[in-house]
N, C-alpha and C. Protein backbone atom coordinates (compact mmCIF):
# COMPACT_ATOMS: atom_id res chain seq x y z
N MET A 1 -50.91 68.35 -13.05
CA MET A 1 -51.33 67.31 -14.90
C MET A 1 -50.70 65.92 -14.28
N SER A 2 -52.12 65.13 -14.67
CA SER A 2 -51.87 64.19 -14.15
C SER A 2 -50.63 62.99 -14.99
N ALA A 3 -51.24 61.57 -14.65
CA ALA A 3 -49.58 61.04 -14.93
C ALA A 3 -50.08 60.47 -16.32
N GLU A 4 -51.64 60.42 -16.25
CA GLU A 4 -51.39 60.26 -17.98
C GLU A 4 -51.22 61.32 -18.82
N GLU A 5 -51.34 62.66 -18.45
CA GLU A 5 -51.71 63.83 -19.48
C GLU A 5 -50.09 63.91 -19.39
N LYS A 6 -49.10 63.44 -18.76
CA LYS A 6 -47.69 63.80 -18.60
C LYS A 6 -47.37 62.76 -19.96
N VAL A 7 -47.43 61.49 -20.06
CA VAL A 7 -47.74 60.61 -20.91
C VAL A 7 -47.70 60.82 -22.20
N LEU A 8 -48.95 61.14 -22.78
CA LEU A 8 -49.54 62.16 -23.48
C LEU A 8 -48.54 63.08 -24.12
N GLU A 9 -48.36 63.72 -23.19
CA GLU A 9 -47.60 65.19 -23.62
C GLU A 9 -45.82 64.38 -24.38
N ALA A 10 -45.26 63.27 -23.58
CA ALA A 10 -43.73 63.12 -23.72
C ALA A 10 -44.14 61.96 -25.49
N MET A 11 -45.24 61.18 -25.20
CA MET A 11 -45.24 60.32 -26.87
C MET A 11 -45.34 61.88 -27.68
N ARG A 12 -46.35 63.03 -27.24
CA ARG A 12 -46.61 63.87 -28.43
C ARG A 12 -45.34 64.35 -29.19
N ASN A 13 -44.49 65.19 -27.66
CA ASN A 13 -42.93 66.19 -28.02
C ASN A 13 -42.00 64.81 -28.90
N ALA A 14 -42.04 63.77 -28.67
CA ALA A 14 -40.93 62.39 -28.99
C ALA A 14 -41.15 62.92 -30.48
N GLY A 15 -42.68 62.34 -31.05
CA GLY A 15 -42.61 62.87 -32.22
C GLY A 15 -42.46 61.36 -32.73
N GLN A 16 -42.42 60.48 -32.11
CA GLN A 16 -42.14 58.52 -32.21
C GLN A 16 -42.60 57.72 -31.15
N PRO A 17 -42.97 56.64 -32.15
CA PRO A 17 -43.09 55.48 -30.85
C PRO A 17 -42.39 55.31 -29.53
N LEU A 18 -42.35 54.89 -28.63
CA LEU A 18 -41.79 55.55 -27.43
C LEU A 18 -42.27 54.16 -26.57
N GLY A 19 -41.52 53.43 -25.92
CA GLY A 19 -41.27 52.13 -24.87
C GLY A 19 -41.37 52.75 -23.63
N ALA A 20 -41.90 51.92 -22.64
CA ALA A 20 -42.24 52.98 -21.51
C ALA A 20 -40.89 52.95 -20.86
N GLY A 21 -40.04 52.15 -20.34
CA GLY A 21 -38.59 52.55 -20.41
C GLY A 21 -38.73 54.12 -20.87
N LYS A 22 -38.49 54.47 -21.74
CA LYS A 22 -37.90 55.89 -22.36
C LYS A 22 -38.90 56.66 -21.57
N ILE A 23 -40.12 56.22 -21.21
CA ILE A 23 -41.53 57.54 -21.60
C ILE A 23 -40.87 57.69 -19.38
N VAL A 24 -40.68 56.55 -18.94
CA VAL A 24 -40.79 56.70 -17.20
C VAL A 24 -38.68 58.32 -17.07
N GLU A 25 -38.29 58.19 -18.41
CA GLU A 25 -36.62 58.88 -18.30
C GLU A 25 -37.49 60.13 -18.89
N LEU A 26 -37.95 60.34 -19.70
CA LEU A 26 -38.48 61.66 -20.17
C LEU A 26 -39.60 62.28 -19.13
N THR A 27 -40.69 61.84 -18.61
CA THR A 27 -41.47 62.64 -17.96
C THR A 27 -40.85 62.53 -16.09
N GLY A 28 -39.90 61.69 -15.77
CA GLY A 28 -39.48 61.45 -14.35
C GLY A 28 -40.59 60.74 -13.56
N LEU A 29 -41.22 60.16 -13.96
CA LEU A 29 -42.32 59.58 -12.92
C LEU A 29 -42.38 58.22 -12.91
N ASP A 30 -42.60 57.67 -11.52
CA ASP A 30 -41.66 56.24 -11.91
C ASP A 30 -42.61 55.26 -12.43
N LYS A 31 -41.71 54.07 -12.85
CA LYS A 31 -42.39 53.17 -13.37
C LYS A 31 -43.58 52.82 -13.47
N LYS A 32 -44.31 52.78 -12.09
CA LYS A 32 -45.61 51.68 -12.16
C LYS A 32 -46.32 52.82 -11.93
N GLU A 33 -45.86 54.25 -12.32
CA GLU A 33 -46.87 55.50 -12.18
C GLU A 33 -47.38 55.34 -13.98
N VAL A 34 -46.59 55.02 -14.34
CA VAL A 34 -46.38 54.95 -16.02
C VAL A 34 -47.11 53.96 -16.55
N ASP A 35 -46.70 52.67 -16.04
CA ASP A 35 -47.64 51.42 -16.60
C ASP A 35 -49.03 51.19 -16.26
N LYS A 36 -49.38 52.32 -14.80
CA LYS A 36 -50.94 52.51 -14.59
C LYS A 36 -51.59 53.76 -15.93
N ALA A 37 -50.68 54.58 -15.77
CA ALA A 37 -51.18 55.57 -16.92
C ALA A 37 -51.27 55.10 -18.15
N MET A 38 -50.81 54.18 -18.80
CA MET A 38 -50.82 53.75 -19.81
C MET A 38 -51.37 52.76 -19.85
N LYS A 39 -51.39 51.95 -19.11
CA LYS A 39 -52.95 51.10 -19.05
C LYS A 39 -54.26 51.57 -19.35
N SER A 40 -54.17 52.31 -18.46
CA SER A 40 -55.58 54.01 -18.47
C SER A 40 -55.73 54.24 -19.93
N LEU A 41 -54.54 54.56 -20.79
CA LEU A 41 -54.99 55.46 -22.40
C LEU A 41 -55.10 54.14 -22.68
N LYS A 42 -54.61 52.95 -22.81
CA LYS A 42 -54.95 51.95 -23.61
C LYS A 42 -56.71 51.20 -23.86
N GLU A 43 -57.08 51.50 -22.60
CA GLU A 43 -58.28 50.96 -22.23
C GLU A 43 -59.54 52.48 -22.97
N SER A 44 -58.57 53.70 -22.81
CA SER A 44 -59.57 54.55 -23.47
C SER A 44 -59.41 54.57 -24.93
N GLY A 45 -58.36 53.98 -25.49
CA GLY A 45 -58.46 54.21 -27.05
C GLY A 45 -57.38 55.18 -27.06
N SER A 46 -56.93 56.32 -25.96
CA SER A 46 -55.82 57.26 -26.46
C SER A 46 -54.49 56.99 -27.43
N ILE A 47 -54.20 55.86 -26.71
CA ILE A 47 -52.42 55.44 -27.11
C ILE A 47 -53.11 54.22 -28.27
N VAL A 48 -51.85 54.25 -28.94
CA VAL A 48 -52.04 52.16 -29.91
C VAL A 48 -50.16 52.01 -30.04
N SER A 49 -50.64 50.46 -30.21
CA SER A 49 -48.80 50.51 -30.38
C SER A 49 -49.13 50.07 -32.32
N PRO A 50 -48.03 50.59 -32.69
CA PRO A 50 -47.62 50.90 -34.26
C PRO A 50 -46.82 49.04 -34.20
N LYS A 51 -46.11 49.14 -32.98
CA LYS A 51 -45.46 47.88 -33.30
C LYS A 51 -45.35 47.14 -31.80
N ARG A 52 -44.31 46.18 -31.33
CA ARG A 52 -44.72 45.69 -29.81
C ARG A 52 -43.82 46.27 -29.50
N CYS A 53 -44.75 46.58 -28.11
CA CYS A 53 -43.66 46.99 -27.07
C CYS A 53 -43.50 48.89 -26.83
N MET A 54 -43.96 49.63 -28.43
CA MET A 54 -44.04 50.43 -28.70
C MET A 54 -45.51 51.74 -28.67
N TRP A 55 -45.36 52.76 -27.92
CA TRP A 55 -46.60 52.89 -27.98
C TRP A 55 -46.54 54.84 -28.51
N GLU A 56 -47.27 55.09 -29.02
CA GLU A 56 -47.75 56.84 -29.52
C GLU A 56 -49.69 57.08 -29.66
N PRO A 57 -49.47 58.28 -29.27
CA PRO A 57 -51.06 58.52 -29.26
C PRO A 57 -51.62 58.26 -30.49
N ALA A 58 -53.25 57.79 -30.26
CA ALA A 58 -54.12 57.95 -31.51
C ALA A 58 -53.95 58.85 -32.41
N LYS A 59 -54.27 58.68 -33.39
CA LYS A 59 -54.20 60.13 -34.80
C LYS A 59 -56.11 60.02 -34.28
């Protein structure tokens, strides 16, 4: 499972918007890996930000 898949899965399972720090806790990935995965997911439109510094999967 790629870092992007792990980040998306953690977001879906949480059922609420998450910050990068919480995603690091939930996935066990390194902060740099999470930041890189989130950047990729943002660019592809897979995640959206309902409020500042919080992210969730796009509908």
